[in-house]
Amino acid sequence: MTSAGKKQHQKRISAPSIWPIHRKGSIWVPKIKPGPHSKNNGMPLLVLLRDVLKIGQNKTEVTRILTKRQVLIDGRVVTNNRFPVGHMDVVQLPKSEKSYRIQLHGSNKLVPFEIPESSASEKVCKVTGKRNIRGGKTQISLHDGRNILLDNDDKLVSQIKGMCSVKISVPSQEILDVYPFEEDARALVTEGRHRGRIGKIVEITKRYGPKASEVVFLDENAKGDEADFRTALDYVFIIGPDLKLEL
């Protein structure tokens, strides 16, 4: 006899490597809920609060905290313990007056870093799409599943291009600044063996051949003319000059 419905848990040993949890311990961990981040790019809120931040000792305690609406993600209350939390998300705990930014770290893990309350209302997102829609509007798609609508005659429309990033206010989603994808821009690598490394873009080149692609050269120390490492174009996340991230 088969079980009814989809399972909401999985074995800990099979959890994605990006989750910052120990492989030994309790057998089960929650499955991530469909949402703004995929399984390989996000982790369930229960894992963050229980296993990483140690807000609750077990699922029951974490669920009670969520039910009391004491956790905000990007300025909005979240009550589902399987909600996906991912790169650049801002998690606020109003009762303890603490805020965290989730970051892809050099350890290949999603790690929360505490930030001041003044920074909790801002978030940097990568632009993944841009298209015209009905009604004289332009839709800007971001890496965390957001879609922002702008009037076609808005001056920001011409500034926002593929691979660039935008700084928005949360939860209002107002665009505060645009960080173009260009040389000398400050960037974070989100995939590959250099994941978590931050550097200044030195050069963007086209690679020809059977596996043609664009390659980005970055200088991690922002010194000299030669790049420290290179990565694929799709792995680059422009973070702007002001965002403070942990290495």
Protein backbone atom coordinates (compact mmCIF):
# COMPACT_ATOMS: atom_id res chain seq x y z
CA MET A 1 0.00 0.00 0.00
CA THR A 2 1.43 3.36 -1.01
CA SER A 3 1.54 6.43 1.18
CA ALA A 4 -0.90 9.24 0.43
CA GLY A 5 0.57 12.58 -0.56
CA LYS A 6 4.15 13.69 -0.87
CA LYS A 7 6.57 13.26 2.00
CA GLN A 8 7.64 16.40 3.84
CA HIS A 9 10.94 15.02 5.09
CA GLN A 10 14.07 13.32 3.81
CA LYS A 11 17.12 11.61 5.26
CA ARG A 12 19.78 13.93 6.59
CA ILE A 13 22.54 12.14 4.70
CA SER A 14 20.88 13.01 1.36
CA ALA A 15 20.43 16.73 2.11
CA PRO A 16 22.13 19.14 -0.34
CA SER A 17 25.73 19.96 0.52
CA ILE A 18 24.89 23.67 0.62
CA TRP A 19 22.88 23.18 3.82
CA PRO A 20 25.13 23.96 6.84
CA ILE A 21 24.18 20.92 8.88
CA HIS A 22 26.05 17.93 10.32
CA ARG A 23 25.65 14.71 8.35
CA LYS A 24 25.48 12.72 11.57
CA GLY A 25 22.70 13.24 14.04
CA SER A 26 18.96 12.74 13.74
CA ILE A 27 17.96 10.69 10.72
CA TRP A 28 15.40 13.07 9.24
CA VAL A 29 15.39 16.68 8.07
CA PRO A 30 12.52 18.59 6.43
CA LYS A 31 12.13 18.81 2.69
CA ILE A 32 12.21 22.29 1.24
CA LYS A 33 8.91 23.77 0.08
CA PRO A 34 8.60 25.06 -3.51
CA GLY A 35 9.24 28.80 -3.47
CA PRO A 36 11.74 31.52 -4.34
CA HIS A 37 14.79 29.22 -4.03
CA SER A 38 15.36 25.70 -5.30
CA LYS A 39 16.49 22.75 -3.20
CA ASN A 40 20.13 23.19 -4.26
CA ASN A 41 20.12 26.97 -3.68
CA GLY A 42 18.14 27.29 -0.48
CA MET A 43 17.37 25.58 2.82
CA PRO A 44 14.16 25.17 4.86
CA LEU A 45 13.48 27.81 7.47
CA LEU A 46 13.29 25.07 10.11
CA VAL A 47 16.89 24.04 9.37
CA LEU A 48 18.06 27.66 9.68
CA LEU A 49 16.30 28.34 12.99
CA ARG A 50 16.85 24.97 14.68
CA ASP A 51 20.16 23.63 13.35
CA VAL A 52 22.06 26.82 12.49
CA LEU A 53 20.83 29.70 14.67
CA LYS A 54 19.72 27.41 17.54
CA ILE A 55 16.55 29.45 18.05
CA GLY A 56 14.61 26.31 18.99
CA GLN A 57 15.70 22.87 20.13
CA ASN A 58 13.19 20.94 18.03
CA LYS A 59 10.52 21.29 15.39
CA THR A 60 7.77 21.91 17.94
CA GLU A 61 9.53 24.93 19.46
CA VAL A 62 10.35 26.41 16.05
CA THR A 63 6.77 25.91 14.85
CA ARG A 64 5.49 27.70 17.95
CA ILE A 65 7.78 30.66 17.25
CA LEU A 66 6.61 30.83 13.63
CA THR A 67 2.96 30.56 14.62
CA LYS A 68 3.40 33.60 16.86
CA ARG A 69 4.62 35.49 13.75
CA GLN A 70 8.03 36.23 15.23
CA VAL A 71 10.10 35.62 12.08
CA LEU A 72 10.31 37.91 9.05
CA ILE A 73 12.00 37.16 5.74
CA ASP A 74 12.63 40.19 3.53
CA GLY A 75 10.26 42.19 5.70
CA ARG A 76 7.33 39.75 5.50
CA VAL A 77 6.05 37.36 8.18
CA VAL A 78 6.64 33.67 7.35
CA THR A 79 4.88 30.89 9.26
CA ASN A 80 5.75 27.80 7.18
CA ASN A 81 8.77 25.95 8.61
CA ARG A 82 9.68 24.51 5.19
CA PHE A 83 9.81 27.91 3.46
CA PRO A 84 13.04 28.16 1.37
CA VAL A 85 15.64 30.65 2.55
CA GLY A 86 18.48 31.45 0.16
CA HIS A 87 21.29 33.74 -0.93
CA MET A 88 20.89 37.41 0.05
CA ASP A 89 17.65 36.85 1.99
CA VAL A 90 17.26 38.99 5.11
CA VAL A 91 15.92 37.17 8.18
CA GLN A 92 14.66 39.29 11.08
CA LEU A 93 13.85 38.20 14.61
CA PRO A 94 12.04 41.24 16.10
CA LYS A 95 11.73 39.78 19.60
CA SER A 96 15.50 39.36 19.97
CA GLU A 97 16.19 42.49 17.88
CA LYS A 98 18.54 40.59 15.56
CA SER A 99 18.79 40.51 11.78
CA TYR A 100 20.75 38.18 9.52
CA ARG A 101 21.73 38.14 5.86
CA ILE A 102 22.02 34.70 4.29
CA GLN A 103 25.19 34.46 2.21
CA LEU A 104 26.89 31.90 0.01
CA HIS A 105 30.15 31.45 1.89
CA GLY A 106 33.54 30.23 0.70
CA SER A 107 32.86 27.01 2.59
CA ASN A 108 30.19 26.18 -0.05
CA LYS A 109 27.49 26.62 2.58
CA LEU A 110 24.61 29.03 3.09
CA VAL A 111 25.64 30.92 6.22
CA PRO A 112 23.71 33.62 8.16
CA PHE A 113 25.69 36.69 9.19
CA GLU A 114 24.31 39.22 11.64
CA ILE A 115 23.72 42.70 10.21
CA PRO A 116 22.67 46.00 11.78
CA GLU A 117 18.98 46.86 11.82
CA SER A 118 19.62 49.74 9.41
CA SER A 119 20.67 47.24 6.70
CA ALA A 120 17.73 44.88 7.20
CA SER A 121 15.45 46.93 4.96
CA GLU A 122 17.71 46.58 1.89
CA LYS A 123 18.55 43.65 -0.32
CA VAL A 124 20.71 43.11 -3.42
CA CYS A 125 19.19 40.93 -6.15
CA LYS A 126 20.55 39.69 -9.46
CA VAL A 127 18.53 40.47 -12.59
CA THR A 128 17.67 37.24 -14.41
CA GLY A 129 15.20 38.55 -16.98
CA LYS A 130 13.65 41.62 -18.55
CA ARG A 131 10.69 41.76 -20.93
CA ASN A 132 7.84 43.95 -22.11
CA ILE A 133 4.31 43.07 -21.06
CA ARG A 134 0.86 44.47 -21.72
CA GLY A 135 -0.13 47.88 -20.49
CA GLY A 136 3.11 49.67 -21.33
CA LYS A 137 5.03 47.90 -18.57
CA THR A 138 8.45 46.26 -18.30
CA GLN A 139 8.86 43.23 -16.05
CA ILE A 140 12.16 42.82 -14.22
CA SER A 141 12.76 39.26 -12.93
CA LEU A 142 15.18 38.70 -10.02
CA HIS A 143 17.11 35.69 -8.74
CA ASP A 144 14.80 35.14 -5.74
CA GLY A 145 11.64 34.81 -7.82
CA ARG A 146 10.57 38.44 -7.58
CA ASN A 147 9.04 40.30 -10.49
CA ILE A 148 9.07 44.10 -10.45
CA LEU A 149 6.92 46.09 -12.88
CA LEU A 150 8.13 49.42 -14.23
CA ASP A 151 6.58 51.84 -16.70
CA ASN A 152 8.28 51.70 -20.09
CA ASP A 153 9.19 55.38 -19.82
CA ASP A 154 10.84 54.92 -16.40
CA LYS A 155 14.52 55.93 -16.57
CA LEU A 156 15.50 52.78 -14.67
CA VAL A 157 14.37 50.56 -17.56
CA SER A 158 17.30 51.62 -19.76
CA GLN A 159 19.77 51.20 -16.88
CA ILE A 160 18.72 47.65 -15.97
CA LYS A 161 20.29 45.06 -18.25
CA GLY A 162 21.03 41.36 -18.10
CA MET A 163 23.53 40.17 -15.45
CA CYS A 164 23.36 43.44 -13.52
CA SER A 165 22.07 43.67 -9.95
CA VAL A 166 19.64 46.00 -8.22
CA LYS A 167 19.40 47.13 -4.62
CA ILE A 168 15.80 47.12 -3.48
CA SER A 169 13.96 48.01 -0.31
CA VAL A 170 12.03 45.20 1.37
CA PRO A 171 9.20 44.51 1.49
CA SER A 172 8.15 47.41 -0.78
CA GLN A 173 10.45 46.28 -3.65
CA GLU A 174 11.36 49.84 -4.57
CA ILE A 175 14.55 49.94 -6.64
CA LEU A 176 17.13 52.05 -4.81
CA ASP A 177 20.20 51.55 -7.02
CA VAL A 178 21.42 49.68 -10.09
CA TYR A 179 24.80 47.91 -10.20
CA PRO A 180 25.83 47.32 -13.84
CA PHE A 181 27.72 44.25 -15.02
CA GLU A 182 30.99 45.73 -16.22
CA GLU A 183 34.72 45.76 -15.62
CA ASP A 184 35.81 47.09 -12.21
CA ALA A 185 32.48 46.03 -10.69
CA ARG A 186 32.60 44.15 -7.37
CA ALA A 187 31.21 40.63 -7.70
CA LEU A 188 30.59 37.40 -5.81
CA VAL A 189 30.88 33.93 -7.37
CA THR A 190 27.78 31.82 -6.63
CA GLU A 191 28.62 28.52 -8.37
CA GLY A 192 31.60 26.35 -9.26
CA ARG A 193 34.81 25.71 -7.38
CA HIS A 194 35.27 29.44 -6.62
CA ARG A 195 31.86 29.76 -4.95
CA GLY A 196 31.90 32.36 -2.19
CA ARG A 197 34.93 34.28 -3.45
CA ILE A 198 34.61 38.03 -3.92
CA GLY A 199 36.64 40.11 -6.34
CA LYS A 200 36.76 42.96 -8.80
CA ILE A 201 35.99 42.13 -12.43
CA VAL A 202 39.18 42.64 -14.43
CA GLU A 203 38.12 41.35 -17.84
CA ILE A 204 35.15 39.79 -19.63
CA THR A 205 36.10 37.67 -22.64
CA LYS A 206 34.38 35.41 -25.16
CA ARG A 207 35.71 31.85 -25.44
CA TYR A 208 35.24 30.24 -28.86
CA GLY A 209 35.14 26.57 -29.82
CA PRO A 210 32.83 23.59 -29.27
CA LYS A 211 32.07 24.83 -25.72
CA ALA A 212 31.80 28.53 -26.47
CA SER A 213 31.00 30.70 -23.46
CA GLU A 214 31.89 33.95 -21.78
CA VAL A 215 34.57 33.96 -19.10
CA VAL A 216 34.94 36.53 -16.34
CA PHE A 217 38.35 37.22 -14.81
CA LEU A 218 38.35 38.56 -11.24
CA ASP A 219 41.00 40.03 -8.97
CA GLU A 220 40.31 38.93 -5.42
CA ASN A 221 42.69 41.43 -3.85
CA ALA A 222 41.72 44.29 -6.17
CA LYS A 223 45.41 44.95 -6.79
CA GLY A 224 47.49 44.74 -9.92
CA ASP A 225 46.44 44.05 -13.50
CA GLU A 226 46.33 40.25 -13.50
CA ALA A 227 43.28 38.29 -12.42
CA ASP A 228 43.51 35.93 -9.46
CA PHE A 229 40.93 33.52 -10.87
CA ARG A 230 38.31 33.14 -13.57
CA THR A 231 34.77 31.79 -13.65
CA ALA A 232 31.78 31.37 -15.97
CA LEU A 233 29.59 34.33 -16.79
CA ASP A 234 26.47 32.81 -15.22
CA TYR A 235 28.26 32.31 -11.90
CA VAL A 236 28.85 36.04 -11.32
CA PHE A 237 26.66 38.03 -8.92
CA ILE A 238 27.29 41.80 -8.86
CA ILE A 239 27.09 43.01 -5.24
CA GLY A 240 27.99 46.68 -5.58
CA PRO A 241 30.63 48.71 -3.77
CA ASP A 242 28.90 49.16 -0.41
CA LEU A 243 27.57 45.73 0.57
CA LYS A 244 29.61 44.19 3.40
CA LEU A 245 29.94 40.42 3.12
CA GLU A 246 31.87 37.89 5.19
CA LEU A 247 34.66 35.93 3.48
